Amino acid sequence: MTDGAKRVRKHREKMKAAGLKPVTIWVPDVNAPGFKEEVARAIEIINNSAGEKAILEELSDVDIEGWK
């Protein structure tokens, strides 16, 4: 086993001992063809939503200590 592999194993064992486990999270590829267009389409749908303004107004009235 290489030194790098030993360090990785040691780190993973330490994390497991701390009660953690590794997970894989898949996220959109921002460089994928069509990604920007899909984001623009989703924004357009949100902006044209009848309830969007009401939701934003409601959220702006939420008081979180230390914010505003």
N, C-alpha and C. Protein backbone atom coordinates (compact mmCIF):
# COMPACT_ATOMS: atom_id res chain seq x y z
N MET A 1 0.85 -1.18 0.00
CA MET A 1 0.00 0.00 0.00
C MET A 1 0.90 1.24 0.00
N THR A 2 0.56 2.23 -0.83
CA THR A 2 1.36 3.45 -0.91
C THR A 2 1.13 4.33 0.31
N ASP A 3 2.04 5.27 0.50
CA ASP A 3 1.91 6.19 1.63
C ASP A 3 0.61 6.98 1.55
N GLY A 4 0.25 7.41 0.34
CA GLY A 4 -0.98 8.17 0.15
C GLY A 4 -2.20 7.35 0.54
N ALA A 5 -2.21 6.09 0.13
CA ALA A 5 -3.33 5.20 0.45
C ALA A 5 -3.43 4.97 1.95
N LYS A 6 -2.26 4.87 2.60
CA LYS A 6 -2.25 4.69 4.06
C LYS A 6 -2.83 5.92 4.76
N ARG A 7 -2.46 7.11 4.28
CA ARG A 7 -2.99 8.34 4.87
C ARG A 7 -4.50 8.44 4.69
N VAL A 8 -4.97 8.08 3.51
CA VAL A 8 -6.41 8.12 3.24
C VAL A 8 -7.14 7.13 4.14
N ARG A 9 -6.62 5.92 4.26
CA ARG A 9 -7.24 4.91 5.12
C ARG A 9 -7.28 5.39 6.57
N LYS A 10 -6.17 5.97 7.04
CA LYS A 10 -6.11 6.47 8.42
C LYS A 10 -7.14 7.58 8.63
N HIS A 11 -7.23 8.47 7.67
CA HIS A 11 -8.20 9.57 7.77
C HIS A 11 -9.63 9.02 7.80
N ARG A 12 -9.92 8.08 6.92
CA ARG A 12 -11.28 7.50 6.88
C ARG A 12 -11.61 6.76 8.16
N GLU A 13 -10.65 6.04 8.70
CA GLU A 13 -10.88 5.34 9.97
C GLU A 13 -11.15 6.33 11.10
N LYS A 14 -10.41 7.43 11.10
CA LYS A 14 -10.61 8.47 12.11
C LYS A 14 -12.01 9.07 11.99
N MET A 15 -12.44 9.34 10.78
CA MET A 15 -13.76 9.92 10.56
C MET A 15 -14.86 8.93 10.97
N LYS A 16 -14.68 7.65 10.64
CA LYS A 16 -15.66 6.63 11.05
C LYS A 16 -15.74 6.53 12.56
N ALA A 17 -14.58 6.61 13.22
CA ALA A 17 -14.55 6.54 14.68
C ALA A 17 -15.28 7.73 15.30
N ALA A 18 -15.34 8.84 14.55
CA ALA A 18 -16.04 10.03 15.03
C ALA A 18 -17.54 9.95 14.73
N GLY A 19 -17.98 8.82 14.15
CA GLY A 19 -19.39 8.63 13.86
C GLY A 19 -19.82 9.17 12.52
N LEU A 20 -18.89 9.44 11.63
CA LEU A 20 -19.20 9.97 10.31
C LEU A 20 -19.04 8.89 9.25
N LYS A 21 -19.68 9.10 8.12
CA LYS A 21 -19.52 8.17 7.02
C LYS A 21 -19.42 8.95 5.71
N PRO A 22 -18.69 8.42 4.75
CA PRO A 22 -18.55 9.13 3.47
C PRO A 22 -19.83 8.97 2.65
N VAL A 23 -20.16 10.02 1.92
CA VAL A 23 -21.30 9.98 1.00
C VAL A 23 -20.88 10.61 -0.32
N THR A 24 -21.58 10.25 -1.37
CA THR A 24 -21.36 10.85 -2.68
C THR A 24 -22.56 11.73 -2.99
N ILE A 25 -22.29 12.95 -3.36
CA ILE A 25 -23.36 13.88 -3.71
C ILE A 25 -23.19 14.27 -5.17
N TRP A 26 -24.23 14.03 -5.96
CA TRP A 26 -24.21 14.38 -7.36
C TRP A 26 -24.84 15.76 -7.53
N VAL A 27 -24.15 16.64 -8.19
CA VAL A 27 -24.65 17.99 -8.43
C VAL A 27 -24.63 18.27 -9.93
N PRO A 28 -25.44 19.22 -10.37
CA PRO A 28 -25.44 19.54 -11.81
C PRO A 28 -24.07 20.02 -12.28
N ASP A 29 -23.73 19.64 -13.49
CA ASP A 29 -22.48 20.09 -14.11
C ASP A 29 -22.74 21.43 -14.76
N VAL A 30 -22.21 22.50 -14.17
CA VAL A 30 -22.47 23.85 -14.68
C VAL A 30 -21.84 24.08 -16.04
N ASN A 31 -20.95 23.19 -16.47
CA ASN A 31 -20.32 23.32 -17.78
C ASN A 31 -21.02 22.47 -18.84
N ALA A 32 -22.05 21.74 -18.46
CA ALA A 32 -22.75 20.87 -19.40
C ALA A 32 -23.51 21.70 -20.42
N PRO A 33 -23.57 21.22 -21.66
CA PRO A 33 -24.36 21.92 -22.67
C PRO A 33 -25.81 22.05 -22.22
N GLY A 34 -26.37 23.22 -22.37
CA GLY A 34 -27.77 23.44 -22.02
C GLY A 34 -28.02 23.83 -20.58
N PHE A 35 -26.98 23.79 -19.73
CA PHE A 35 -27.18 24.11 -18.31
C PHE A 35 -27.65 25.54 -18.13
N LYS A 36 -26.97 26.49 -18.77
CA LYS A 36 -27.33 27.90 -18.63
C LYS A 36 -28.75 28.15 -19.13
N GLU A 37 -29.10 27.51 -20.22
CA GLU A 37 -30.45 27.68 -20.77
C GLU A 37 -31.51 27.13 -19.81
N GLU A 38 -31.21 26.00 -19.18
CA GLU A 38 -32.16 25.40 -18.23
C GLU A 38 -32.33 26.29 -17.01
N VAL A 39 -31.24 26.88 -16.53
CA VAL A 39 -31.33 27.80 -15.40
C VAL A 39 -32.16 29.01 -15.78
N ALA A 40 -31.92 29.56 -16.97
CA ALA A 40 -32.69 30.72 -17.44
C ALA A 40 -34.17 30.37 -17.56
N ARG A 41 -34.48 29.16 -18.05
CA ARG A 41 -35.87 28.72 -18.17
C ARG A 41 -36.53 28.61 -16.80
N ALA A 42 -35.81 28.04 -15.84
CA ALA A 42 -36.35 27.89 -14.49
C ALA A 42 -36.59 29.25 -13.83
N ILE A 43 -35.67 30.18 -14.04
CA ILE A 43 -35.83 31.53 -13.49
C ILE A 43 -37.04 32.21 -14.11
N GLU A 44 -37.22 32.04 -15.39
CA GLU A 44 -38.37 32.64 -16.08
C GLU A 44 -39.68 32.09 -15.51
N ILE A 45 -39.73 30.80 -15.27
CA ILE A 45 -40.94 30.19 -14.68
C ILE A 45 -41.21 30.78 -13.30
N ILE A 46 -40.17 30.91 -12.49
CA ILE A 46 -40.32 31.47 -11.15
C ILE A 46 -40.77 32.91 -11.22
N ASN A 47 -40.12 33.70 -12.07
CA ASN A 47 -40.46 35.12 -12.19
C ASN A 47 -41.89 35.34 -12.68
N ASN A 48 -42.41 34.41 -13.46
CA ASN A 48 -43.77 34.55 -13.98
C ASN A 48 -44.81 33.88 -13.10
N SER A 49 -44.37 33.30 -11.99
CA SER A 49 -45.29 32.63 -11.08
C SER A 49 -46.19 33.64 -10.39
N ALA A 50 -47.46 33.34 -10.31
CA ALA A 50 -48.43 34.25 -9.71
C ALA A 50 -48.12 34.49 -8.23
N GLY A 51 -47.65 33.49 -7.52
CA GLY A 51 -47.43 33.62 -6.09
C GLY A 51 -46.03 34.05 -5.70
N GLU A 52 -45.15 34.25 -6.68
CA GLU A 52 -43.76 34.55 -6.37
C GLU A 52 -43.61 35.83 -5.56
N LYS A 53 -44.30 36.89 -5.97
CA LYS A 53 -44.19 38.17 -5.26
C LYS A 53 -44.68 38.03 -3.82
N ALA A 54 -45.80 37.34 -3.63
CA ALA A 54 -46.35 37.15 -2.29
C ALA A 54 -45.38 36.36 -1.41
N ILE A 55 -44.76 35.33 -1.98
CA ILE A 55 -43.81 34.51 -1.22
C ILE A 55 -42.60 35.35 -0.82
N LEU A 56 -42.07 36.14 -1.76
CA LEU A 56 -40.92 36.98 -1.45
C LEU A 56 -41.25 38.01 -0.37
N GLU A 57 -42.45 38.59 -0.44
CA GLU A 57 -42.87 39.56 0.58
C GLU A 57 -42.98 38.88 1.95
N GLU A 58 -43.54 37.68 1.96
CA GLU A 58 -43.68 36.94 3.21
C GLU A 58 -42.31 36.61 3.80
N LEU A 59 -41.39 36.19 2.94
CA LEU A 59 -40.05 35.86 3.40
C LEU A 59 -39.30 37.09 3.90
N SER A 60 -39.56 38.24 3.29
CA SER A 60 -38.87 39.45 3.72
C SER A 60 -39.33 39.90 5.10
N ASP A 61 -40.50 39.45 5.54
CA ASP A 61 -41.02 39.80 6.85
C ASP A 61 -40.53 38.86 7.96
N VAL A 62 -39.85 37.79 7.59
CA VAL A 62 -39.34 36.85 8.59
C VAL A 62 -38.19 37.52 9.34
N ASP A 63 -38.28 37.50 10.65
CA ASP A 63 -37.25 38.13 11.48
C ASP A 63 -36.35 37.05 12.06
N ILE A 64 -35.10 37.06 11.66
CA ILE A 64 -34.12 36.13 12.18
C ILE A 64 -33.12 36.95 12.98
N GLU A 65 -32.96 36.61 14.22
CA GLU A 65 -32.09 37.37 15.11
C GLU A 65 -30.70 37.53 14.50
N GLY A 66 -30.24 38.77 14.46
CA GLY A 66 -28.91 39.05 13.92
C GLY A 66 -28.89 39.37 12.45
N TRP A 67 -30.04 39.26 11.76
CA TRP A 67 -30.11 39.55 10.33
C TRP A 67 -30.92 40.82 10.12
N LYS A 68 -30.76 41.43 9.02
CA LYS A 68 -31.42 42.66 8.55
C LYS A 68 -30.63 43.86 8.86
